[in-house]
Amino acid sequence: MTRPLTGEPLALDLVNTVWIDQGRRFDLFDEPDGLPDWLAGHDLPAADGALDPLLRARDAVRAALTGDEEPLNAVLARGSRRPVLRDGEPAVETLVDDPAWLPAWTAAADLVRLYAQRPDRVRKCANPECVLWFHDVSKNGSRRWCSMEICGNRAKTARFQETHRRRR
């Protein structure tokens, strides 16, 4: 099954590893290559034991998106970033208490970054049956759908059918 929405910022892409298609729930991490492909696609290390922390981070990010910040803060407590100099150049080093937590911590920290920039642009798809989230980068901030081709088109079709049903 092909994921319906990719290319979102890391935190949202993690949440979007679960999606609904025709009433069925899919989880990318249930696929044999799902986890390694997702990690590689985000240039994250494939540490042993990374799945459980990522599942916890995914739940924590989803909870934070709906107002429950405590699980996200618990994930963030597993690491930190500190400025360093390397060969005379400034850099930022990420420290985690367990290497398996690095991808999960990085995704959780990405949600904080998004909220620091434009929290109003982090949105859930307007289709009530859709579970996907996106970062609205449109010029006027009016994006409503995870995908105009999928959810947007379904809404337009439903409106059209309802309008014509009323006219009969």
N, C-alpha and C. Protein backbone atom coordinates (compact mmCIF):
# COMPACT_ATOMS: atom_id res chain seq x y z
N MET A 1 0.85 -1.19 0.00
CA MET A 1 0.00 0.00 0.00
C MET A 1 0.88 1.24 0.00
N THR A 2 0.61 2.16 -0.86
CA THR A 2 1.36 3.40 -0.95
C THR A 2 0.80 4.41 0.05
N ARG A 3 1.71 5.07 0.76
CA ARG A 3 1.28 6.10 1.71
C ARG A 3 0.65 7.26 0.96
N PRO A 4 -0.46 7.79 1.47
CA PRO A 4 -1.15 8.86 0.76
C PRO A 4 -0.52 10.24 0.92
N LEU A 5 0.30 10.46 1.93
CA LEU A 5 0.88 11.79 2.16
C LEU A 5 2.29 11.62 2.69
N THR A 6 3.25 12.08 1.91
CA THR A 6 4.65 12.03 2.33
C THR A 6 5.25 13.41 2.12
N GLY A 7 6.44 13.60 2.64
CA GLY A 7 7.13 14.87 2.42
C GLY A 7 6.81 15.95 3.44
N GLU A 8 6.04 15.61 4.44
CA GLU A 8 5.75 16.57 5.50
C GLU A 8 6.95 16.66 6.44
N PRO A 9 7.03 17.70 7.28
CA PRO A 9 8.11 17.76 8.26
C PRO A 9 8.14 16.48 9.11
N LEU A 10 9.30 16.19 9.64
CA LEU A 10 9.56 14.92 10.32
C LEU A 10 8.49 14.51 11.32
N ALA A 11 8.11 15.40 12.22
CA ALA A 11 7.12 15.05 13.26
C ALA A 11 5.79 14.63 12.63
N LEU A 12 5.34 15.37 11.63
CA LEU A 12 4.07 15.05 10.99
C LEU A 12 4.20 13.80 10.12
N ASP A 13 5.35 13.63 9.50
CA ASP A 13 5.55 12.43 8.70
C ASP A 13 5.53 11.19 9.59
N LEU A 14 6.04 11.31 10.81
CA LEU A 14 5.97 10.19 11.75
C LEU A 14 4.51 9.86 12.08
N VAL A 15 3.72 10.87 12.41
CA VAL A 15 2.30 10.65 12.71
C VAL A 15 1.61 10.03 11.50
N ASN A 16 1.98 10.48 10.31
CA ASN A 16 1.33 10.02 9.09
C ASN A 16 1.79 8.64 8.62
N THR A 17 2.60 7.95 9.44
CA THR A 17 2.93 6.56 9.12
C THR A 17 1.74 5.65 9.40
N VAL A 18 0.69 6.20 9.99
CA VAL A 18 -0.59 5.50 10.15
C VAL A 18 -1.61 6.27 9.32
N TRP A 19 -2.38 5.55 8.50
CA TRP A 19 -3.39 6.20 7.69
C TRP A 19 -4.57 5.25 7.50
N ILE A 20 -5.68 5.82 7.02
CA ILE A 20 -6.90 5.06 6.75
C ILE A 20 -7.14 5.12 5.25
N ASP A 21 -7.43 3.97 4.65
CA ASP A 21 -7.79 3.92 3.23
C ASP A 21 -8.98 2.99 3.09
N GLN A 22 -10.08 3.53 2.59
CA GLN A 22 -11.32 2.78 2.41
C GLN A 22 -11.72 2.05 3.69
N GLY A 23 -11.60 2.75 4.80
CA GLY A 23 -12.01 2.22 6.08
C GLY A 23 -11.02 1.29 6.76
N ARG A 24 -9.91 1.00 6.11
CA ARG A 24 -8.89 0.11 6.70
C ARG A 24 -7.73 0.93 7.22
N ARG A 25 -7.23 0.53 8.39
CA ARG A 25 -6.08 1.20 9.01
C ARG A 25 -4.80 0.54 8.51
N PHE A 26 -3.84 1.37 8.12
CA PHE A 26 -2.53 0.91 7.68
C PHE A 26 -1.47 1.54 8.57
N ASP A 27 -0.41 0.80 8.82
CA ASP A 27 0.72 1.28 9.61
C ASP A 27 1.99 0.92 8.86
N LEU A 28 2.71 1.93 8.43
CA LEU A 28 3.95 1.70 7.67
C LEU A 28 4.91 0.81 8.43
N PHE A 29 4.95 0.94 9.75
CA PHE A 29 5.91 0.18 10.54
C PHE A 29 5.52 -1.30 10.69
N ASP A 30 4.33 -1.67 10.22
CA ASP A 30 3.96 -3.09 10.17
C ASP A 30 4.54 -3.78 8.94
N GLU A 31 5.00 -2.99 7.98
CA GLU A 31 5.59 -3.55 6.76
C GLU A 31 7.03 -3.96 7.04
N PRO A 32 7.53 -5.03 6.40
CA PRO A 32 8.89 -5.51 6.67
C PRO A 32 9.98 -4.45 6.51
N ASP A 33 9.89 -3.63 5.47
CA ASP A 33 10.90 -2.59 5.25
C ASP A 33 10.43 -1.21 5.67
N GLY A 34 9.28 -1.13 6.32
CA GLY A 34 8.72 0.17 6.67
C GLY A 34 9.62 1.01 7.55
N LEU A 35 10.08 0.45 8.65
CA LEU A 35 10.93 1.21 9.57
C LEU A 35 12.26 1.58 8.94
N PRO A 36 13.02 0.63 8.38
CA PRO A 36 14.31 1.02 7.80
C PRO A 36 14.17 2.03 6.66
N ASP A 37 13.13 1.87 5.84
CA ASP A 37 12.92 2.82 4.73
C ASP A 37 12.59 4.21 5.26
N TRP A 38 11.75 4.27 6.30
CA TRP A 38 11.36 5.57 6.86
C TRP A 38 12.57 6.25 7.48
N LEU A 39 13.35 5.50 8.25
CA LEU A 39 14.56 6.08 8.86
C LEU A 39 15.52 6.58 7.79
N ALA A 40 15.77 5.77 6.78
CA ALA A 40 16.69 6.16 5.70
C ALA A 40 16.18 7.39 4.96
N GLY A 41 14.87 7.45 4.76
CA GLY A 41 14.27 8.58 4.05
C GLY A 41 14.42 9.90 4.80
N HIS A 42 14.70 9.82 6.09
CA HIS A 42 14.88 11.02 6.91
C HIS A 42 16.31 11.16 7.42
N ASP A 43 17.22 10.39 6.83
CA ASP A 43 18.63 10.41 7.24
C ASP A 43 18.80 10.20 8.74
N LEU A 44 18.01 9.30 9.28
CA LEU A 44 18.10 8.97 10.70
C LEU A 44 18.78 7.61 10.85
N PRO A 45 19.54 7.44 11.92
CA PRO A 45 20.25 6.17 12.10
C PRO A 45 19.29 5.02 12.41
N ALA A 46 19.63 3.86 11.89
CA ALA A 46 18.82 2.66 12.13
C ALA A 46 19.36 1.94 13.36
N ALA A 47 19.17 2.52 14.52
CA ALA A 47 19.67 1.94 15.77
C ALA A 47 18.83 0.74 16.16
N ASP A 48 19.47 -0.25 16.75
CA ASP A 48 18.74 -1.40 17.29
C ASP A 48 17.75 -0.90 18.34
N GLY A 49 16.56 -1.41 18.29
CA GLY A 49 15.57 -1.05 19.30
C GLY A 49 14.87 0.27 19.05
N ALA A 50 14.97 0.84 17.84
CA ALA A 50 14.38 2.15 17.57
C ALA A 50 12.87 2.11 17.39
N LEU A 51 12.30 0.93 17.10
CA LEU A 51 10.86 0.87 16.82
C LEU A 51 10.02 1.28 18.03
N ASP A 52 10.25 0.71 19.19
CA ASP A 52 9.43 1.04 20.36
C ASP A 52 9.50 2.53 20.70
N PRO A 53 10.69 3.15 20.75
CA PRO A 53 10.72 4.60 20.99
C PRO A 53 9.98 5.39 19.92
N LEU A 54 10.07 4.97 18.65
CA LEU A 54 9.36 5.68 17.59
C LEU A 54 7.85 5.55 17.75
N LEU A 55 7.38 4.38 18.13
CA LEU A 55 5.94 4.22 18.37
C LEU A 55 5.48 5.10 19.52
N ARG A 56 6.29 5.18 20.57
CA ARG A 56 5.95 6.05 21.70
C ARG A 56 5.97 7.52 21.27
N ALA A 57 6.97 7.89 20.47
CA ALA A 57 7.04 9.27 19.99
C ALA A 57 5.87 9.59 19.06
N ARG A 58 5.50 8.64 18.22
CA ARG A 58 4.37 8.86 17.31
C ARG A 58 3.10 9.12 18.11
N ASP A 59 2.86 8.31 19.13
CA ASP A 59 1.69 8.54 19.99
C ASP A 59 1.80 9.88 20.72
N ALA A 60 3.00 10.23 21.15
CA ALA A 60 3.22 11.48 21.88
C ALA A 60 3.00 12.69 20.99
N VAL A 61 3.49 12.63 19.76
CA VAL A 61 3.28 13.75 18.82
C VAL A 61 1.79 13.88 18.53
N ARG A 62 1.12 12.76 18.27
CA ARG A 62 -0.32 12.81 18.00
C ARG A 62 -1.07 13.40 19.20
N ALA A 63 -0.68 13.01 20.40
CA ALA A 63 -1.32 13.55 21.61
C ALA A 63 -1.09 15.05 21.71
N ALA A 64 0.13 15.50 21.44
CA ALA A 64 0.44 16.93 21.52
C ALA A 64 -0.36 17.71 20.48
N LEU A 65 -0.55 17.13 19.31
CA LEU A 65 -1.32 17.80 18.27
C LEU A 65 -2.77 18.04 18.69
N THR A 66 -3.25 17.21 19.60
CA THR A 66 -4.63 17.36 20.08
C THR A 66 -4.70 17.96 21.48
N GLY A 67 -3.57 18.49 21.97
CA GLY A 67 -3.59 19.25 23.22
C GLY A 67 -2.97 18.60 24.43
N ASP A 68 -2.59 17.33 24.37
CA ASP A 68 -1.97 16.66 25.51
C ASP A 68 -0.46 16.68 25.33
N GLU A 69 0.20 17.60 26.00
CA GLU A 69 1.64 17.81 25.82
C GLU A 69 2.52 16.89 26.66
N GLU A 70 1.99 16.30 27.70
CA GLU A 70 2.80 15.54 28.64
C GLU A 70 3.56 14.37 27.99
N PRO A 71 2.93 13.55 27.16
CA PRO A 71 3.69 12.46 26.53
C PRO A 71 4.85 12.98 25.66
N LEU A 72 4.63 14.09 24.96
CA LEU A 72 5.70 14.66 24.14
C LEU A 72 6.85 15.13 25.02
N ASN A 73 6.52 15.79 26.11
CA ASN A 73 7.57 16.26 27.02
C ASN A 73 8.34 15.10 27.63
N ALA A 74 7.67 13.97 27.84
CA ALA A 74 8.37 12.78 28.36
C ALA A 74 9.38 12.26 27.33
N VAL A 75 9.01 12.28 26.06
CA VAL A 75 9.96 11.88 25.00
C VAL A 75 11.11 12.87 24.94
N LEU A 76 10.80 14.16 24.99
CA LEU A 76 11.84 15.19 24.91
C LEU A 76 12.80 15.13 26.10
N ALA A 77 12.33 14.63 27.22
CA ALA A 77 13.20 14.50 28.40
C ALA A 77 14.31 13.47 28.19
N ARG A 78 14.19 12.66 27.15
CA ARG A 78 15.19 11.63 26.86
C ARG A 78 16.44 12.19 26.18
N GLY A 79 16.43 13.48 25.82
CA GLY A 79 17.59 14.03 25.13
C GLY A 79 17.65 15.54 25.20
N SER A 80 18.66 16.08 24.53
CA SER A 80 18.84 17.54 24.48
C SER A 80 19.77 17.87 23.32
N ARG A 81 19.84 19.16 23.03
CA ARG A 81 20.78 19.66 22.02
C ARG A 81 21.69 20.66 22.70
N ARG A 82 22.96 20.64 22.27
CA ARG A 82 23.88 21.64 22.82
C ARG A 82 24.77 22.15 21.70
N PRO A 83 25.09 23.44 21.77
CA PRO A 83 26.00 24.00 20.77
C PRO A 83 27.43 23.54 21.06
N VAL A 84 28.18 23.27 20.00
CA VAL A 84 29.58 22.86 20.10
C VAL A 84 30.37 23.50 18.96
N LEU A 85 31.69 23.48 19.10
CA LEU A 85 32.57 23.87 18.00
C LEU A 85 33.26 22.61 17.50
N ARG A 86 33.27 22.44 16.17
CA ARG A 86 33.97 21.31 15.55
C ARG A 86 34.87 21.88 14.47
N ASP A 87 36.15 21.70 14.66
CA ASP A 87 37.14 22.23 13.70
C ASP A 87 36.93 23.72 13.48
N GLY A 88 36.62 24.42 14.55
CA GLY A 88 36.44 25.87 14.48
C GLY A 88 35.09 26.30 13.93
N GLU A 89 34.22 25.36 13.62
CA GLU A 89 32.90 25.68 13.06
C GLU A 89 31.81 25.40 14.09
N PRO A 90 30.82 26.29 14.20
CA PRO A 90 29.73 26.04 15.14
C PRO A 90 28.86 24.87 14.64
N ALA A 91 28.39 24.09 15.58
CA ALA A 91 27.52 22.96 15.27
C ALA A 91 26.59 22.74 16.45
N VAL A 92 25.61 21.90 16.25
CA VAL A 92 24.69 21.51 17.31
C VAL A 92 24.76 20.00 17.44
N GLU A 93 24.92 19.54 18.66
CA GLU A 93 25.03 18.11 18.93
C GLU A 93 23.77 17.66 19.67
N THR A 94 23.20 16.56 19.22
CA THR A 94 22.03 15.99 19.90
C THR A 94 22.51 14.86 20.80
N LEU A 95 22.10 14.94 22.06
CA LEU A 95 22.47 13.93 23.05
C LEU A 95 21.20 13.23 23.51
N VAL A 96 21.22 11.89 23.53
CA VAL A 96 20.10 11.12 24.04
C VAL A 96 20.62 10.10 25.04
N ASP A 97 19.77 9.70 25.97
CA ASP A 97 20.22 8.76 27.00
C ASP A 97 20.37 7.34 26.48
N ASP A 98 19.83 7.06 25.29
CA ASP A 98 19.93 5.74 24.67
C ASP A 98 19.90 5.97 23.15
N PRO A 99 20.87 5.45 22.39
CA PRO A 99 20.90 5.67 20.94
C PRO A 99 19.61 5.26 20.23
N ALA A 100 18.89 4.30 20.76
CA ALA A 100 17.64 3.87 20.14
C ALA A 100 16.60 4.99 20.14
N TRP A 101 16.77 5.97 21.04
CA TRP A 101 15.82 7.08 21.15
C TRP A 101 16.12 8.25 20.23
N LEU A 102 17.24 8.24 19.53
CA LEU A 102 17.61 9.40 18.70
C LEU A 102 16.55 9.72 17.63
N PRO A 103 16.09 8.77 16.81
CA PRO A 103 15.06 9.12 15.83
C PRO A 103 13.78 9.63 16.48
N ALA A 104 13.35 9.00 17.56
CA ALA A 104 12.12 9.40 18.25
C ALA A 104 12.26 10.80 18.83
N TRP A 105 13.39 11.06 19.49
CA TRP A 105 13.62 12.38 20.09
C TRP A 105 13.67 13.45 19.00
N THR A 106 14.33 13.14 17.89
CA THR A 106 14.45 14.10 16.79
C THR A 106 13.08 14.46 16.23
N ALA A 107 12.21 13.47 16.08
CA ALA A 107 10.85 13.73 15.58
C ALA A 107 10.06 14.58 16.58
N ALA A 108 10.17 14.26 17.86
CA ALA A 108 9.45 15.04 18.88
C ALA A 108 9.95 16.48 18.90
N ALA A 109 11.25 16.67 18.81
CA ALA A 109 11.83 18.02 18.79
C ALA A 109 11.38 18.79 17.55
N ASP A 110 11.13 18.07 16.46
CA ASP A 110 10.67 18.73 15.24
C ASP A 110 9.29 19.35 15.43
N LEU A 111 8.43 18.72 16.20
CA LEU A 111 7.12 19.32 16.46
C LEU A 111 7.28 20.63 17.22
N VAL A 112 8.19 20.66 18.17
CA VAL A 112 8.45 21.90 18.92
C VAL A 112 8.93 22.98 17.96
N ARG A 113 9.80 22.61 17.02
CA ARG A 113 10.29 23.56 16.02
C ARG A 113 9.13 24.12 15.19
N LEU A 114 8.24 23.24 14.74
CA LEU A 114 7.09 23.69 13.95
C LEU A 114 6.21 24.64 14.76
N TYR A 115 5.97 24.30 16.02
CA TYR A 115 5.14 25.15 16.87
C TYR A 115 5.82 26.48 17.17
N ALA A 116 7.15 26.50 17.21
CA ALA A 116 7.87 27.75 17.45
C ALA A 116 7.77 28.68 16.24
N GLN A 117 7.62 28.11 15.05
CA GLN A 117 7.55 28.92 13.84
C GLN A 117 6.12 29.40 13.56
N ARG A 118 5.23 28.49 13.24
CA ARG A 118 3.85 28.83 12.88
C ARG A 118 2.90 27.73 13.34
N PRO A 119 2.53 27.71 14.61
CA PRO A 119 1.66 26.64 15.08
C PRO A 119 0.31 26.60 14.37
N ASP A 120 -0.15 27.75 13.89
CA ASP A 120 -1.43 27.80 13.19
C ASP A 120 -1.39 27.11 11.83
N ARG A 121 -0.20 26.81 11.35
CA ARG A 121 -0.06 26.15 10.05
C ARG A 121 0.06 24.63 10.17
N VAL A 122 0.05 24.11 11.37
CA VAL A 122 0.05 22.66 11.59
C VAL A 122 -1.41 22.25 11.72
N ARG A 123 -1.89 21.43 10.78
CA ARG A 123 -3.33 21.15 10.73
C ARG A 123 -3.63 19.68 10.43
N LYS A 124 -4.80 19.28 10.92
CA LYS A 124 -5.34 17.98 10.56
C LYS A 124 -6.18 18.16 9.30
N CYS A 125 -6.17 17.15 8.45
CA CYS A 125 -7.00 17.18 7.25
C CYS A 125 -8.46 17.44 7.65
N ALA A 126 -9.16 18.26 6.85
CA ALA A 126 -10.54 18.62 7.16
C ALA A 126 -11.53 17.48 6.95
N ASN A 127 -11.09 16.40 6.32
CA ASN A 127 -11.96 15.23 6.16
C ASN A 127 -12.05 14.53 7.51
N PRO A 128 -13.23 14.46 8.13
CA PRO A 128 -13.34 13.86 9.46
C PRO A 128 -12.93 12.39 9.50
N GLU A 129 -12.94 11.71 8.38
CA GLU A 129 -12.54 10.30 8.34
C GLU A 129 -11.04 10.12 8.12
N CYS A 130 -10.32 11.20 7.88
CA CYS A 130 -8.89 11.14 7.61
C CYS A 130 -8.11 11.41 8.90
N VAL A 131 -6.99 10.72 9.08
CA VAL A 131 -6.18 10.88 10.29
C VAL A 131 -4.87 11.61 10.01
N LEU A 132 -4.69 12.11 8.79
CA LEU A 132 -3.41 12.71 8.41
C LEU A 132 -3.31 14.18 8.81
N TRP A 133 -2.06 14.60 9.08
CA TRP A 133 -1.73 15.97 9.47
C TRP A 133 -0.78 16.54 8.44
N PHE A 134 -0.81 17.87 8.28
CA PHE A 134 0.08 18.52 7.32
C PHE A 134 0.53 19.87 7.85
N HIS A 135 1.59 20.37 7.24
CA HIS A 135 2.10 21.71 7.53
C HIS A 135 1.71 22.57 6.34
N ASP A 136 0.83 23.53 6.56
CA ASP A 136 0.34 24.38 5.47
C ASP A 136 1.39 25.42 5.11
N VAL A 137 1.97 25.26 3.94
CA VAL A 137 2.97 26.21 3.46
C VAL A 137 2.42 27.06 2.32
N SER A 138 1.09 27.01 2.13
CA SER A 138 0.49 27.83 1.07
C SER A 138 0.66 29.31 1.43
N LYS A 139 0.67 30.13 0.41
CA LYS A 139 0.91 31.56 0.61
C LYS A 139 -0.12 32.19 1.55
N ASN A 140 -1.38 31.88 1.35
CA ASN A 140 -2.42 32.50 2.17
C ASN A 140 -2.88 31.64 3.34
N GLY A 141 -2.27 30.48 3.53
CA GLY A 141 -2.60 29.64 4.68
C GLY A 141 -3.99 29.04 4.64
N SER A 142 -4.48 28.73 3.45
CA SER A 142 -5.86 28.25 3.35
C SER A 142 -6.00 26.76 3.03
N ARG A 143 -4.91 26.03 3.09
CA ARG A 143 -4.99 24.60 2.79
C ARG A 143 -5.87 23.90 3.82
N ARG A 144 -6.74 23.01 3.35
CA ARG A 144 -7.68 22.30 4.23
C ARG A 144 -7.51 20.79 4.19
N TRP A 145 -6.94 20.29 3.13
CA TRP A 145 -6.93 18.85 2.89
C TRP A 145 -5.50 18.30 2.90
N CYS A 146 -5.37 17.05 3.33
CA CYS A 146 -4.06 16.39 3.23
C CYS A 146 -3.68 16.30 1.76
N SER A 147 -4.68 16.03 0.93
CA SER A 147 -4.48 15.92 -0.51
C SER A 147 -5.76 16.37 -1.20
N MET A 148 -5.64 17.33 -2.08
CA MET A 148 -6.81 17.79 -2.83
C MET A 148 -7.35 16.66 -3.70
N GLU A 149 -6.43 15.82 -4.21
CA GLU A 149 -6.83 14.74 -5.10
C GLU A 149 -7.62 13.66 -4.36
N ILE A 150 -7.32 13.46 -3.09
CA ILE A 150 -8.01 12.40 -2.34
C ILE A 150 -9.13 13.00 -1.50
N CYS A 151 -8.80 13.59 -0.39
CA CYS A 151 -9.82 14.09 0.54
C CYS A 151 -10.57 15.29 -0.01
N GLY A 152 -9.89 16.20 -0.66
CA GLY A 152 -10.57 17.37 -1.22
C GLY A 152 -11.57 16.97 -2.28
N ASN A 153 -11.19 16.04 -3.14
CA ASN A 153 -12.08 15.58 -4.19
C ASN A 153 -13.28 14.84 -3.61
N ARG A 154 -13.06 14.05 -2.57
CA ARG A 154 -14.18 13.35 -1.92
C ARG A 154 -15.19 14.35 -1.36
N ALA A 155 -14.69 15.41 -0.76
CA ALA A 155 -15.59 16.42 -0.19
C ALA A 155 -16.37 17.13 -1.30
N LYS A 156 -15.69 17.47 -2.39
CA LYS A 156 -16.38 18.12 -3.51
C LYS A 156 -17.45 17.22 -4.10
N THR A 157 -17.12 15.95 -4.26
CA THR A 157 -18.07 14.98 -4.81
C THR A 157 -19.27 14.84 -3.88
N ALA A 158 -19.03 14.75 -2.59
CA ALA A 158 -20.13 14.62 -1.62
C ALA A 158 -21.02 15.85 -1.65
N ARG A 159 -20.42 17.05 -1.73
CA ARG A 159 -21.21 18.29 -1.81
C ARG A 159 -22.06 18.31 -3.07
N PHE A 160 -21.45 17.93 -4.19
CA PHE A 160 -22.15 17.91 -5.47
C PHE A 160 -23.35 16.95 -5.40
N GLN A 161 -23.12 15.75 -4.88
CA GLN A 161 -24.19 14.76 -4.79
C GLN A 161 -25.30 15.24 -3.86
N GLU A 162 -24.95 15.87 -2.75
CA GLU A 162 -25.94 16.38 -1.82
C GLU A 162 -26.77 17.50 -2.45
N THR A 163 -26.13 18.39 -3.18
CA THR A 163 -26.82 19.48 -3.85
C THR A 163 -27.83 18.94 -4.86
N HIS A 164 -27.41 17.95 -5.63
CA HIS A 164 -28.30 17.39 -6.65
C HIS A 164 -29.41 16.53 -6.03
N ARG A 165 -29.16 15.93 -4.89
CA ARG A 165 -30.18 15.16 -4.18
C ARG A 165 -31.29 16.10 -3.69
N ARG A 166 -30.89 17.27 -3.20
CA ARG A 166 -31.87 18.24 -2.68
C ARG A 166 -32.74 18.80 -3.80
N ARG A 167 -32.20 18.91 -5.00
CA ARG A 167 -32.94 19.50 -6.12
C ARG A 167 -34.00 18.55 -6.67
N ARG A 168 -33.90 17.28 -6.34
CA ARG A 168 -34.85 16.29 -6.89
C ARG A 168 -36.17 16.33 -6.19
